[in-house]
N, C-alpha and C. Protein backbone atom coordinates (compact mmCIF):
# COMPACT_ATOMS: atom_id res chain seq x y z
N GLN A 1 134.45 159.14 87.69
CA GLN A 1 135.46 158.87 88.83
C GLN A 1 136.80 158.70 88.26
N VAL A 2 137.85 159.00 89.04
CA VAL A 2 139.30 158.98 88.60
C VAL A 2 140.07 157.99 89.59
N HIS A 3 140.65 157.16 89.30
CA HIS A 3 141.58 156.31 90.13
C HIS A 3 142.94 156.62 89.81
N VAL A 4 143.83 156.59 90.80
CA VAL A 4 145.24 157.02 90.69
C VAL A 4 146.03 155.80 91.39
N ALA A 5 147.13 155.58 90.61
CA ALA A 5 147.92 154.35 91.17
C ALA A 5 149.38 154.77 91.06
N GLU A 6 150.16 154.64 92.10
CA GLU A 6 151.62 154.95 92.16
C GLU A 6 152.33 153.61 92.26
N SER A 7 153.67 153.60 91.92
CA SER A 7 154.49 152.57 92.00
C SER A 7 155.98 153.11 92.07
N GLY A 8 156.89 152.34 92.61
CA GLY A 8 158.34 152.75 92.43
C GLY A 8 159.00 153.08 93.73
N GLY A 9 158.35 153.13 94.80
CA GLY A 9 158.88 153.41 96.04
C GLY A 9 159.78 152.19 96.47
N GLY A 10 160.59 152.46 97.67
CA GLY A 10 161.53 151.44 98.02
C GLY A 10 162.44 151.96 99.04
N SER A 11 163.57 151.33 99.30
CA SER A 11 164.62 151.75 100.27
C SER A 11 166.00 151.93 99.50
N VAL A 12 166.55 152.99 99.83
CA VAL A 12 167.79 153.38 99.13
C VAL A 12 168.74 154.04 100.22
N GLN A 13 170.02 154.02 99.95
CA GLN A 13 170.98 154.79 100.79
C GLN A 13 171.01 156.16 100.41
N ALA A 14 171.39 156.97 101.29
CA ALA A 14 171.51 158.44 101.04
C ALA A 14 172.53 158.75 99.88
N GLY A 15 172.12 159.51 99.01
CA GLY A 15 172.80 159.71 97.80
C GLY A 15 172.38 159.00 96.60
N GLY A 16 171.57 157.97 96.80
CA GLY A 16 170.96 157.18 95.84
C GLY A 16 169.79 157.75 94.99
N SER A 17 169.24 157.10 94.06
CA SER A 17 168.06 157.54 93.34
C SER A 17 166.99 156.60 93.38
N LEU A 18 165.82 157.11 93.00
CA LEU A 18 164.51 156.36 92.80
C LEU A 18 163.68 157.07 91.73
N ARG A 19 162.89 156.38 91.13
CA ARG A 19 161.77 156.95 90.24
C ARG A 19 160.58 156.55 90.56
N LEU A 20 159.56 157.29 90.81
CA LEU A 20 158.35 157.01 91.17
C LEU A 20 157.46 157.12 89.86
N SER A 21 156.44 156.29 89.71
CA SER A 21 155.57 156.43 88.56
C SER A 21 154.04 156.55 89.05
N CYS A 22 153.33 157.20 88.13
CA CYS A 22 151.85 157.41 88.63
C CYS A 22 151.07 157.38 87.32
N ALA A 23 149.85 156.86 87.36
CA ALA A 23 148.98 156.85 86.27
C ALA A 23 147.61 157.02 86.79
N ALA A 24 146.83 157.78 86.11
CA ALA A 24 145.37 158.13 86.46
C ALA A 24 144.60 157.56 85.49
N PHE A 25 143.35 156.83 85.94
CA PHE A 25 142.56 156.18 85.08
C PHE A 25 140.98 156.71 85.25
N GLY A 26 140.32 156.50 84.32
CA GLY A 26 138.85 156.89 84.50
C GLY A 26 138.43 158.20 83.74
N SER A 27 137.72 158.99 84.38
CA SER A 27 137.15 160.19 83.61
C SER A 27 138.29 161.24 83.78
N ILE A 28 139.21 161.14 82.96
CA ILE A 28 140.25 162.12 82.89
C ILE A 28 140.16 162.93 81.71
N GLY A 29 140.63 164.24 81.84
CA GLY A 29 140.55 165.19 80.78
C GLY A 29 141.89 165.71 80.38
N SER A 30 142.02 166.50 79.25
CA SER A 30 143.20 166.96 78.73
C SER A 30 143.76 168.18 79.68
N VAL A 31 142.89 168.79 80.27
CA VAL A 31 143.37 169.96 81.11
C VAL A 31 143.46 169.61 82.58
N ASN A 32 144.54 169.52 83.13
CA ASN A 32 144.74 168.89 84.42
C ASN A 32 145.99 169.20 85.07
N SER A 33 146.25 168.88 86.16
CA SER A 33 147.63 168.88 86.60
C SER A 33 147.82 167.62 87.49
N MET A 34 149.15 167.16 87.59
CA MET A 34 149.39 165.84 88.29
C MET A 34 150.65 166.27 89.15
N GLY A 35 150.76 165.65 90.27
CA GLY A 35 151.83 165.94 91.04
C GLY A 35 152.12 165.01 92.21
N TRP A 36 153.08 165.32 93.12
CA TRP A 36 153.49 164.37 94.10
C TRP A 36 153.46 165.25 95.38
N HIS A 37 153.11 164.73 96.41
CA HIS A 37 153.08 165.09 97.79
C HIS A 37 153.73 164.07 98.76
N ARG A 38 154.26 164.36 99.83
CA ARG A 38 154.71 163.54 100.88
C ARG A 38 154.34 163.71 102.23
N GLN A 39 154.27 162.69 102.98
CA GLN A 39 154.00 162.82 104.37
C GLN A 39 154.88 162.05 105.19
N ALA A 40 155.87 162.62 105.98
CA ALA A 40 156.65 161.91 106.91
C ALA A 40 155.90 161.72 108.33
N PRO A 41 156.44 160.69 108.90
CA PRO A 41 155.79 160.41 110.23
C PRO A 41 155.77 161.69 111.23
N GLY A 42 154.64 161.95 111.71
CA GLY A 42 154.40 163.11 112.65
C GLY A 42 154.29 164.44 112.05
N LYS A 43 154.42 164.59 110.79
CA LYS A 43 154.51 165.74 110.02
C LYS A 43 153.17 165.87 108.99
N GLN A 44 152.99 167.13 108.66
CA GLN A 44 151.83 167.26 107.65
C GLN A 44 152.29 167.05 106.19
N ARG A 45 151.29 166.67 105.46
CA ARG A 45 151.50 166.31 104.04
C ARG A 45 151.99 167.57 103.30
N GLU A 46 152.95 167.47 102.50
CA GLU A 46 153.58 168.74 101.85
C GLU A 46 153.76 168.38 100.40
N LEU A 47 153.61 169.44 99.61
CA LEU A 47 153.76 169.40 98.12
C LEU A 47 155.42 169.16 97.84
N VAL A 48 155.55 168.27 97.00
CA VAL A 48 156.86 167.98 96.48
C VAL A 48 157.09 168.54 95.11
N ALA A 49 156.22 168.27 94.21
CA ALA A 49 156.27 168.65 92.76
C ALA A 49 155.06 168.63 92.28
N VAL A 50 154.78 169.55 91.13
CA VAL A 50 153.47 169.49 90.41
C VAL A 50 153.81 169.97 88.96
N VAL A 51 153.22 169.28 87.93
CA VAL A 51 153.27 169.62 86.60
C VAL A 51 151.87 169.83 85.99
N SER A 52 151.66 170.95 85.25
CA SER A 52 150.33 171.13 84.54
C SER A 52 150.40 170.51 83.32
N SER A 53 149.19 170.45 82.77
CA SER A 53 149.06 169.68 81.38
C SER A 53 149.83 170.63 80.34
N GLY A 54 150.12 171.84 80.62
CA GLY A 54 150.85 172.67 79.65
C GLY A 54 152.38 172.62 79.93
N GLY A 55 152.71 171.78 80.90
CA GLY A 55 154.15 171.50 81.12
C GLY A 55 154.79 172.45 82.30
N ASN A 56 154.14 173.47 82.83
CA ASN A 56 154.55 174.20 83.84
C ASN A 56 154.77 173.39 85.02
N THR A 57 155.93 173.51 85.66
CA THR A 57 156.38 172.75 86.86
C THR A 57 156.52 173.73 88.17
N ASN A 58 156.40 173.14 89.24
CA ASN A 58 156.67 173.90 90.55
C ASN A 58 157.13 172.72 91.45
N TYR A 59 158.17 173.11 92.31
CA TYR A 59 158.89 172.29 93.37
C TYR A 59 159.05 172.89 94.68
N ALA A 60 159.00 172.06 95.55
CA ALA A 60 159.36 172.55 96.92
C ALA A 60 160.82 172.94 96.87
N GLU A 61 161.13 173.92 97.72
CA GLU A 61 162.53 174.40 97.86
C GLU A 61 163.46 173.32 98.19
N SER A 62 163.01 172.44 99.11
CA SER A 62 163.89 171.36 99.58
C SER A 62 164.20 170.20 98.52
N VAL A 63 163.58 170.28 97.57
CA VAL A 63 163.90 169.28 96.41
C VAL A 63 164.36 169.93 95.08
N LYS A 64 164.43 171.15 95.09
CA LYS A 64 164.93 171.70 93.88
C LYS A 64 166.35 171.36 93.44
N GLY A 65 166.58 171.05 92.24
CA GLY A 65 167.98 170.61 91.89
C GLY A 65 168.22 169.13 92.16
N ARG A 66 167.26 168.43 92.83
CA ARG A 66 167.55 166.99 93.12
C ARG A 66 166.39 166.20 92.42
N PHE A 67 165.16 166.75 92.44
CA PHE A 67 164.05 165.93 91.88
C PHE A 67 163.54 166.57 90.57
N ALA A 68 163.12 165.69 89.72
CA ALA A 68 162.47 166.22 88.56
C ALA A 68 161.07 165.56 88.17
N ILE A 69 160.12 166.37 87.86
CA ILE A 69 158.74 165.76 87.60
C ILE A 69 158.62 165.89 86.03
N PHE A 70 157.97 165.00 85.50
CA PHE A 70 157.73 165.04 84.09
C PHE A 70 156.62 164.01 83.63
N ARG A 71 156.11 164.48 82.60
CA ARG A 71 154.81 163.67 82.11
C ARG A 71 155.41 162.43 81.20
N GLY A 72 154.56 161.51 81.24
CA GLY A 72 154.90 160.34 80.20
C GLY A 72 154.42 160.76 78.92
N ASN A 73 154.47 159.72 77.99
CA ASN A 73 153.93 159.88 76.63
C ASN A 73 152.40 159.84 76.68
N ALA A 74 151.82 159.06 77.52
CA ALA A 74 150.43 159.12 77.79
C ALA A 74 150.24 160.38 78.64
N GLU A 75 149.07 161.21 78.41
CA GLU A 75 148.94 162.34 79.17
C GLU A 75 148.41 162.06 80.65
N ASN A 76 148.03 160.85 80.82
CA ASN A 76 147.58 160.49 82.27
C ASN A 76 148.63 159.96 83.08
N THR A 77 149.89 160.04 82.76
CA THR A 77 151.04 159.53 83.42
C THR A 77 152.09 160.57 83.89
N VAL A 78 152.60 160.32 85.08
CA VAL A 78 153.60 161.32 85.60
C VAL A 78 154.78 160.65 86.37
N TYR A 79 155.90 161.08 86.34
CA TYR A 79 157.09 160.45 86.88
C TYR A 79 157.71 161.44 87.83
N LEU A 80 158.39 160.89 88.94
CA LEU A 80 159.16 161.72 89.80
C LEU A 80 160.52 161.10 89.92
N GLN A 81 161.53 161.77 89.27
CA GLN A 81 162.82 161.24 89.36
C GLN A 81 163.53 161.83 90.51
N MET A 82 164.06 161.12 91.60
CA MET A 82 164.50 161.47 92.69
C MET A 82 166.08 161.18 92.77
N ASN A 83 166.96 162.22 92.74
CA ASN A 83 168.41 162.04 92.79
C ASN A 83 168.93 162.57 94.15
N SER A 84 170.12 162.13 94.50
CA SER A 84 170.75 162.66 95.75
C SER A 84 169.87 162.74 96.95
N LEU A 85 169.20 161.50 97.04
CA LEU A 85 168.29 161.55 98.15
C LEU A 85 168.82 161.47 99.57
N LYS A 86 168.15 162.00 100.43
CA LYS A 86 168.59 162.38 101.84
C LYS A 86 167.67 161.60 102.86
N PRO A 87 168.10 161.38 103.97
CA PRO A 87 167.45 160.64 105.06
C PRO A 87 166.02 161.48 105.27
N GLU A 88 166.11 162.94 105.17
CA GLU A 88 164.91 163.57 105.26
C GLU A 88 163.90 163.51 104.25
N ASP A 89 164.13 162.77 103.12
CA ASP A 89 163.22 162.56 102.16
C ASP A 89 162.35 161.35 102.48
N THR A 90 162.82 160.62 103.47
CA THR A 90 161.88 159.60 103.88
C THR A 90 160.45 159.95 104.17
N ALA A 91 159.51 159.28 103.59
CA ALA A 91 157.97 159.66 103.66
C ALA A 91 157.28 158.72 102.77
N VAL A 92 155.96 158.83 103.00
CA VAL A 92 155.03 158.28 102.10
C VAL A 92 154.73 159.15 100.96
N TYR A 93 155.02 158.94 99.78
CA TYR A 93 154.72 159.75 98.69
C TYR A 93 153.38 159.40 97.89
N TYR A 94 152.64 160.52 97.70
CA TYR A 94 151.36 160.31 97.23
C TYR A 94 151.16 161.17 95.89
N CYS A 95 150.70 160.33 94.78
CA CYS A 95 150.34 161.07 93.63
C CYS A 95 149.03 161.73 93.72
N VAL A 96 148.95 162.82 93.05
CA VAL A 96 147.61 163.53 93.04
C VAL A 96 147.14 163.97 91.53
N TYR A 97 146.05 163.66 91.08
CA TYR A 97 145.55 164.12 89.80
C TYR A 97 144.43 165.23 90.15
N SER A 98 144.67 166.29 89.49
CA SER A 98 143.65 167.52 89.91
C SER A 98 143.01 167.89 88.58
N ARG A 99 141.68 168.13 88.60
CA ARG A 99 141.03 168.63 87.42
C ARG A 99 139.71 169.21 87.97
N LEU A 100 139.42 170.40 87.33
CA LEU A 100 138.17 171.15 87.60
C LEU A 100 138.00 171.27 89.15
N GLY A 101 139.15 171.59 89.95
CA GLY A 101 139.03 171.85 91.31
C GLY A 101 138.95 170.53 92.30
N VAL A 102 138.97 169.45 91.63
CA VAL A 102 138.85 168.12 92.41
C VAL A 102 140.14 167.45 92.40
N ASN A 103 140.58 166.98 93.54
CA ASN A 103 141.89 166.24 93.73
C ASN A 103 141.55 164.83 93.90
N TYR A 104 142.22 163.86 93.12
CA TYR A 104 142.16 162.49 93.39
C TYR A 104 143.49 161.92 93.68
N TRP A 105 143.56 161.24 94.80
CA TRP A 105 144.70 160.82 95.40
C TRP A 105 144.98 159.31 95.19
N GLY A 106 146.30 158.84 95.05
CA GLY A 106 146.63 157.52 95.18
C GLY A 106 146.75 156.99 96.48
N GLN A 107 147.21 155.75 96.71
CA GLN A 107 147.22 155.19 98.00
C GLN A 107 148.51 155.41 98.77
N GLY A 108 149.57 155.85 97.96
CA GLY A 108 150.76 156.21 98.53
C GLY A 108 151.78 155.09 98.41
N THR A 109 153.07 155.46 98.38
CA THR A 109 154.17 154.57 98.20
C THR A 109 155.24 154.99 99.09
N GLN A 110 155.79 154.07 99.85
CA GLN A 110 156.85 154.43 100.90
C GLN A 110 158.21 154.55 100.16
N VAL A 111 158.91 155.64 100.59
CA VAL A 111 160.25 155.83 100.18
C VAL A 111 161.05 155.99 101.51
N THR A 112 162.07 155.13 101.64
CA THR A 112 162.99 155.19 102.85
C THR A 112 164.41 155.47 102.48
N VAL A 113 165.09 156.37 103.05
CA VAL A 113 166.43 156.78 102.73
C VAL A 113 167.18 156.56 104.00
N SER A 114 168.22 155.70 103.94
CA SER A 114 169.02 155.35 105.18
C SER A 114 170.37 156.18 105.07
N SER A 115 170.91 156.54 106.22
CA SER A 115 172.18 157.30 106.08
C SER A 115 173.45 156.45 106.20
């Protein structure tokens, strides 16, 4: 079993920055991917960014150039640096740990961007 925990959400004005943190615990392995999804009220959950254990990254078009995903020194940690935040970035952000075709989700952290 794998448990995923996020932190770092909050409220910020447009143009501001936040960093989200995530750690996976339990039966983790060296080959995996970790990423962030988000869900705004009334909308479907969408991919924000993902990074593989090899360091390959993928971003949603809406966040390219503003957000950066990177691994921590511990292989089970991942961060999402969010800059130039916009009101449309307001959502609950979920961390996901994926391995062997199974996704493990965190409980989510709220990010609110005011104009």
